[in-house]
Protein backbone atom coordinates (compact mmCIF):
# COMPACT_ATOMS: atom_id res chain seq x y z
CA MET A 1 34.04 7.58 19.94
CA THR A 2 31.54 8.91 22.48
CA LEU A 3 27.96 8.95 21.19
CA ASP A 4 24.78 10.58 22.42
CA LEU A 5 22.33 8.22 20.78
CA VAL A 6 22.41 4.73 19.28
CA CYS A 7 19.40 3.60 17.23
CA ILE A 8 18.82 -0.04 16.27
CA GLY A 9 16.27 -1.16 13.70
CA HIS A 10 15.51 -1.58 10.02
CA VAL A 11 17.64 0.29 7.49
CA LEU A 12 15.74 0.63 4.23
CA TYR A 13 15.80 2.36 0.86
CA ASP A 14 12.58 4.34 0.37
CA ILE A 15 11.15 4.92 -3.12
CA ARG A 16 8.31 7.45 -3.06
CA CYS A 17 5.70 8.77 -5.44
CA TYR A 18 2.96 11.32 -4.88
CA VAL A 19 -0.57 11.14 -6.31
CA ASP A 20 -3.83 13.02 -5.88
CA ASP A 21 -5.72 9.87 -4.94
CA PHE A 22 -4.77 6.23 -4.51
CA PRO A 23 -5.72 4.16 -7.58
CA ALA A 24 -8.78 1.95 -7.41
CA PRO A 25 -8.31 -1.69 -8.55
CA ASP A 26 -7.40 -1.86 -12.24
CA LYS A 27 -7.34 1.96 -12.42
CA LEU A 28 -4.55 4.47 -13.05
CA ALA A 29 -3.24 7.15 -10.70
CA VAL A 30 -1.02 9.80 -12.26
CA MET A 31 2.21 10.53 -10.37
CA MET A 32 2.85 14.17 -9.49
CA GLY A 33 6.44 15.19 -10.15
CA ARG A 34 9.31 12.73 -10.26
CA LEU A 35 9.94 9.44 -8.48
CA LYS A 36 11.92 10.20 -5.31
CA SER A 37 14.14 8.16 -3.03
CA SER A 38 15.92 8.38 0.32
CA VAL A 39 17.15 6.34 3.26
CA GLY A 40 14.31 4.94 5.37
CA GLY A 41 13.42 2.79 8.36
CA SER A 42 12.45 4.07 11.81
CA ALA A 43 15.91 3.74 13.36
CA ALA A 44 17.45 5.63 10.46
CA ASN A 45 14.82 8.36 10.55
CA SER A 46 15.14 9.01 14.29
CA ALA A 47 18.95 9.02 14.16
CA ILE A 48 18.95 11.51 11.29
CA GLN A 49 16.49 13.80 13.06
CA ALA A 50 18.60 13.76 16.22
CA SER A 51 21.75 14.43 14.20
CA LYS A 52 20.09 17.42 12.50
CA LEU A 53 19.46 18.81 15.99
CA GLY A 54 23.10 18.41 17.00
CA LEU A 55 23.38 14.99 18.64
CA LYS A 56 26.12 12.49 17.87
CA ALA A 57 24.01 9.63 16.55
CA CYS A 58 24.77 6.10 15.33
CA VAL A 59 22.69 3.37 13.69
CA ILE A 60 22.93 -0.39 14.18
CA GLY A 61 21.33 -2.11 11.21
CA LYS A 62 21.90 -4.12 8.04
CA VAL A 63 22.05 -3.38 4.33
CA GLY A 64 22.80 -5.55 1.33
CA PHE A 65 25.93 -5.48 -0.80
CA ASP A 66 24.28 -3.48 -3.57
CA GLU A 67 23.69 0.00 -4.96
CA TYR A 68 20.81 0.71 -2.61
CA GLY A 69 22.93 -0.21 0.40
CA TRP A 70 25.71 2.07 -0.75
CA SER A 71 23.23 4.91 -1.24
CA VAL A 72 21.85 4.42 2.28
CA VAL A 73 25.32 4.55 3.84
CA GLN A 74 26.18 7.69 1.89
CA SER A 75 22.95 9.33 3.07
CA PHE A 76 23.87 8.64 6.69
CA ARG A 77 27.25 10.23 6.12
CA ASN A 78 25.63 13.28 4.56
CA TYR A 79 23.58 13.71 7.74
CA ASN A 80 26.65 13.13 9.98
CA VAL A 81 25.24 9.87 11.36
CA ASN A 82 27.92 7.37 12.38
CA VAL A 83 27.95 4.27 10.13
CA ASP A 84 30.59 2.21 11.95
CA HIS A 85 27.94 -0.30 13.03
CA ILE A 86 26.07 -0.70 9.76
CA LEU A 87 26.39 -4.39 8.87
CA VAL A 88 26.52 -5.76 5.31
CA ASP A 89 24.66 -8.92 4.28
CA PHE A 90 26.30 -10.42 1.20
CA LYS A 91 23.34 -12.73 0.43
CA LYS A 92 20.23 -10.59 0.88
CA PRO A 93 19.45 -7.31 -0.92
CA THR A 94 18.98 -4.02 0.91
CA GLY A 95 15.43 -3.69 2.21
CA VAL A 96 13.15 -1.50 0.11
CA SER A 97 9.91 0.40 0.82
CA LEU A 98 7.71 1.38 -2.13
CA ILE A 99 5.55 4.25 -0.87
CA THR A 100 2.62 6.03 -2.48
CA VAL A 101 1.43 9.25 -0.80
CA ASN A 102 -1.91 10.88 -1.56
CA LYS A 103 -2.85 14.58 -1.47
CA GLU A 104 -3.74 14.32 2.23
CA GLY A 105 -0.21 13.17 3.05
CA ILE A 106 -1.29 9.62 3.87
CA PRO A 107 1.14 6.90 2.73
CA LYS A 108 0.59 3.33 1.60
CA PHE A 109 3.53 0.92 1.77
CA VAL A 110 4.79 -2.14 -0.05
CA GLN A 111 7.88 -3.35 1.76
CA MET A 112 10.65 -5.91 1.37
CA ILE A 113 12.61 -6.25 4.63
CA GLY A 114 15.55 -7.87 2.84
CA ALA A 115 18.87 -7.63 4.65
CA SER A 116 17.37 -5.61 7.53
CA GLU A 117 16.44 -8.80 9.40
CA PRO A 118 17.62 -10.60 11.30
CA VAL A 119 20.27 -8.73 13.24
CA PHE A 120 21.79 -11.51 15.33
CA PRO A 121 22.64 -10.82 18.98
CA ASN A 122 26.31 -11.67 18.40
CA GLU A 123 26.44 -8.99 15.68
CA ILE A 124 25.65 -6.22 18.17
CA ARG A 125 28.94 -4.85 19.44
CA GLN A 126 28.50 -3.85 23.05
CA GLU A 127 31.16 -1.12 22.87
CA CYS A 128 28.84 0.86 20.59
CA ILE A 129 26.08 0.92 23.21
CA GLN A 130 28.56 1.28 26.07
CA SER A 131 29.98 4.46 24.53
CA SER A 132 26.56 6.09 24.16
CA LYS A 133 24.16 7.85 26.52
CA HIS A 134 20.95 6.28 25.25
CA LEU A 135 19.69 3.34 23.18
CA HIS A 136 16.60 3.83 21.00
CA MET A 137 15.07 0.66 19.56
CA THR A 138 12.61 0.23 16.70
CA GLY A 139 10.88 -2.76 15.12
CA VAL A 140 13.72 -5.10 14.22
CA ASN A 141 13.66 -8.82 15.16
CA LEU A 142 12.88 -9.58 18.80
CA GLY A 143 16.22 -11.29 19.53
CA ALA A 144 18.14 -8.15 18.59
CA LEU A 145 15.88 -5.97 20.76
CA VAL A 146 16.30 -8.23 23.79
CA SER A 147 20.07 -8.40 23.38
CA ALA A 148 20.56 -4.67 22.75
CA SER A 149 18.36 -3.66 25.69
CA GLU A 150 20.14 -6.06 28.04
CA ILE A 151 23.53 -4.65 27.00
CA ALA A 152 22.28 -1.10 27.53
CA LYS A 153 20.93 -1.79 31.00
CA SER A 154 24.09 -3.67 32.02
CA PHE A 155 25.99 -0.42 31.40
CA GLY A 156 23.37 1.75 33.10
CA LYS A 157 22.08 3.39 29.91
CA THR A 158 18.56 4.67 29.39
CA VAL A 159 16.50 2.84 26.77
CA SER A 160 13.48 3.70 24.61
CA LEU A 161 11.36 1.57 22.29
CA ASP A 162 9.12 2.49 19.37
CA PRO A 163 7.74 -0.95 18.39
CA GLY A 164 5.73 0.15 15.36
CA ARG A 165 2.87 -1.83 13.87
CA LYS A 166 4.55 -5.19 13.43
CA LYS A 167 6.23 -5.56 16.81
CA SER A 168 3.13 -4.25 18.62
CA ASP A 169 1.25 -7.20 17.13
CA LEU A 170 3.38 -9.53 19.30
CA GLY A 171 1.55 -8.35 22.42
CA HIS A 172 2.87 -7.48 25.87
CA LYS A 173 3.64 -11.07 26.90
CA ARG A 174 6.07 -11.72 24.06
CA LEU A 175 7.48 -8.18 24.28
CA LEU A 176 8.00 -8.35 28.04
CA PRO A 177 11.71 -9.37 27.89
CA VAL A 178 12.28 -6.10 26.02
CA LEU A 179 9.76 -3.92 27.83
CA GLU A 180 11.24 -4.70 31.24
CA ASN A 181 14.46 -2.97 30.09
CA VAL A 182 12.70 0.08 28.60
CA ASP A 183 12.53 3.50 30.26
CA VAL A 184 10.42 5.23 27.58
CA LEU A 185 7.82 3.54 25.36
CA PHE A 186 6.65 5.42 22.23
CA VAL A 187 3.36 4.15 20.77
CA ASN A 188 0.34 5.50 18.94
CA ARG A 189 -3.19 4.67 20.04
CA ARG A 190 -3.54 1.65 17.80
CA GLU A 191 -0.20 0.20 18.92
CA ALA A 192 -1.01 0.71 22.61
CA ARG A 193 -4.30 -1.17 22.24
CA THR A 194 -2.63 -3.91 20.18
CA ILE A 195 0.14 -4.48 22.74
CA LEU A 196 -2.50 -4.83 25.46
CA GLY A 197 -4.78 -6.97 23.29
CA ALA A 198 -7.64 -4.49 23.71
CA ASN A 199 -10.48 -3.70 21.31
CA ASP A 200 -10.25 -0.70 19.01
CA ASP A 201 -12.90 1.17 21.00
CA THR A 202 -11.24 0.69 24.40
CA ASP A 203 -10.65 4.03 26.12
CA ILE A 204 -6.98 4.90 25.63
CA ASN A 205 -6.57 6.13 29.23
CA ASN A 206 -7.70 2.75 30.51
CA VAL A 207 -5.31 1.07 28.09
CA ILE A 208 -2.36 3.01 29.50
CA LYS A 209 -3.40 2.31 33.10
CA ARG A 210 -3.53 -1.41 32.39
CA LEU A 211 -0.21 -1.34 30.53
CA ARG A 212 1.40 0.40 33.51
CA LYS A 213 0.28 -2.42 35.78
CA LEU A 214 1.55 -5.08 33.38
CA ILE A 215 4.83 -3.47 32.32
CA GLY A 216 5.75 -1.29 35.30
CA ASN A 217 4.88 2.00 36.99
CA ASP A 218 8.49 3.12 36.62
CA LYS A 219 8.14 3.50 32.83
CA THR A 220 7.26 6.61 30.83
CA PHE A 221 4.54 6.03 28.22
CA VAL A 222 4.33 8.51 25.35
CA VAL A 223 1.22 8.01 23.20
CA LYS A 224 1.70 9.90 19.94
CA GLY A 225 -1.49 11.49 18.70
CA GLY A 226 -1.18 12.62 15.09
CA SER A 227 -3.97 15.19 14.98
CA ASP A 228 -5.08 14.18 18.51
CA ASN A 229 -3.50 15.12 21.82
CA ILE A 230 -0.25 13.47 22.84
CA LEU A 231 -0.73 11.53 26.09
CA VAL A 232 2.12 11.13 28.56
CA CYS A 233 2.12 8.93 31.66
CA SER A 234 5.26 8.89 33.80
CA PRO A 235 6.22 8.10 37.40
CA ASN A 236 6.11 11.83 38.25
CA ALA A 237 3.26 13.27 36.16
CA ASP A 238 0.48 12.43 33.72
CA PHE A 239 -0.44 15.05 31.13
CA SER A 240 -1.54 15.69 27.56
CA VAL A 241 -0.14 18.09 24.96
CA SER A 242 -2.23 19.53 22.14
CA PRO A 243 -0.75 19.12 18.63
CA PHE A 244 0.58 21.89 16.40
CA GLN A 245 -1.66 22.80 13.49
CA VAL A 246 0.24 22.59 10.20
CA LYS A 247 -0.47 21.94 6.54
CA VAL A 248 0.25 18.25 6.01
CA VAL A 249 2.15 17.24 2.88
CA ASP A 250 3.57 13.84 3.85
CA THR A 251 3.30 11.93 7.15
CA ILE A 252 6.06 9.38 6.38
CA GLY A 253 8.42 9.21 9.36
CA ALA A 254 6.51 11.74 11.49
CA GLY A 255 6.59 9.46 14.52
CA ASP A 256 10.31 8.86 14.02
CA ALA A 257 10.94 12.60 13.86
CA PHE A 258 8.93 12.93 17.07
CA ALA A 259 11.18 10.36 18.76
CA GLY A 260 14.33 12.08 17.45
CA GLY A 261 13.19 15.45 18.79
CA PHE A 262 12.03 14.05 22.11
CA LEU A 263 15.27 12.17 22.71
CA THR A 264 17.38 15.18 21.76
CA ALA A 265 15.63 17.30 24.40
CA PHE A 266 15.76 14.44 26.91
CA LEU A 267 19.50 13.92 26.45
CA GLN A 268 20.10 17.67 26.69
CA GLY A 269 18.56 17.65 30.17
CA LYS A 270 15.22 19.27 29.39
CA ASP A 271 12.16 18.26 31.42
CA LEU A 272 9.55 15.80 30.17
CA GLU A 273 7.05 18.45 29.07
CA ASP A 274 9.66 20.25 26.97
CA ALA A 275 10.84 16.95 25.48
CA VAL A 276 7.29 16.15 24.33
CA ILE A 277 6.88 19.63 22.82
CA TYR A 278 10.22 19.29 21.00
CA GLY A 279 9.12 15.93 19.65
CA SER A 280 5.73 17.26 18.60
CA ALA A 281 7.32 20.21 16.79
CA CYS A 282 9.73 17.94 14.93
CA GLY A 283 6.92 15.61 13.87
CA SER A 284 4.79 18.55 12.72
CA LEU A 285 7.58 20.17 10.73
CA LYS A 286 8.39 16.85 9.09
CA CYS A 287 4.76 16.55 7.95
CA MET A 288 5.13 19.85 6.10
CA GLY A 289 7.81 18.40 3.79
CA GLU A 290 8.28 15.35 1.59
CA GLY A 291 10.17 12.27 2.77
CA ALA A 292 11.08 10.90 6.17
CA GLN A 293 14.08 13.22 6.65
CA SER A 294 12.29 16.56 6.16
CA GLY A 295 12.28 17.30 9.88
CA PRO A 296 13.94 20.48 11.16
CA ASN A 297 17.47 21.45 12.06
CA LYS A 298 18.08 23.28 15.33
CA LEU A 299 17.46 26.78 13.97
CA GLU A 300 14.27 25.74 12.15
CA LEU A 301 12.97 24.07 15.29
CA GLU A 302 13.69 27.08 17.49
CA LYS A 303 12.00 29.43 15.01
CA PHE A 304 8.92 27.21 14.77
CA LEU A 305 8.60 26.98 18.56
CA GLU A 306 9.03 30.72 18.98
CA GLU A 307 6.16 31.33 16.55
CA ASN A 308 3.84 28.49 17.57
CA MET A 309 4.51 27.68 21.23
CA SER A 310 1.06 28.90 22.27
CA GLN A 311 -0.51 25.97 20.43
CA ALA A 312 1.17 23.39 22.66
CA LYS A 313 -1.27 23.45 25.56
CA ILE A 314 -0.39 21.18 28.47
CA THR A 315 -3.22 19.65 30.50
CA LYS A 316 -2.65 17.65 33.65
CA LEU A 317 -4.43 14.28 33.68
CA SER A 318 -6.11 12.99 36.81
C-alpha cells in the first residue's frame, strides 16, 4: 500500500475532564459535563489530522492487549488511518493520559506511557517507511527515532521531528543522531531553548541562529507560537506568520494539528508559507473544539481560510 505519511510515536488513550479552575491542594473542582475519552499521543494526533485533510496516513506505535488498546485501534480505523503497523505489547497496558482542562483551555496531564515505549528498532518494518512519501517523528524512545530516520533517509524520504517536552530535554548533543536526518524540525519556544541549553530569557531568534549552526543550515526550523507569531527559518527564506485569533476551548493536540496541516500542504506541493498557514489554521480550529482530534476536515479548513486569511500576515525576517 502506498502511503503519504507515516507517523511514529506514542499511542495513548486520553481521558479528559473540563473544569472552571484547577483544584487547589485538598480542594474540589467540579467537572463540567461528562468524562470524555479518545485516542491520543502526538503521532496519533498528527496522523488523524492529515487523514481528515485527505492524506493516506499510517501510525507506527504500540498499545497493550486490553480494552483501551482496542478502542485506540478502532478510533484510527474510524479516521481512515492505517493500523497495519500498530504493535501489541502483551505484558504492558496501553498508555493512558489523564487530562484536566480549565476554562482557558489549558490542560494539565498525568500520564502513564505503558506499552508506548520502547519501540525497538527491529520492530520498525522498513517497507512501511519505504512505501511512504514522508516520515513524521514524535517523542518516542531515542533508539526508535534514530532507526526510523535512518531508514527514511536510506530510501530518500523527507523527515520531520516534533520532539515535544521530554525529548527536547535530551539536548542537541544527544538528539544529534536524529537531527542530522531531519528536514523539518517543529518546536515551540521553550523546546527550542531547551534543545540548545539556553536560558528562558534568551532571544528566540538567537536561539534559532545557534541551532542552525549546530544542526545544519539545510534544515527548516518551524517555531510554533501559540498566541505569538510562528517563526520559520529555512535555507531559502526566514519569515514569521501572525496567528489566527480564535476563541480557545481546549489546546490539547494543537501543535500536533499544526504539524498535520503543515505536512499535508507540504506533501501536496504547496510552498513553505502556505504550509505554515495551513498548519496554523488547523491548530487554531482544533483549539476551538474539545479533544486532540477536533481539527478540521478539508472543507472546514478551506472555509476558515477563506474567511480569515487576512489575519495570517507574513513578515520577512532579516
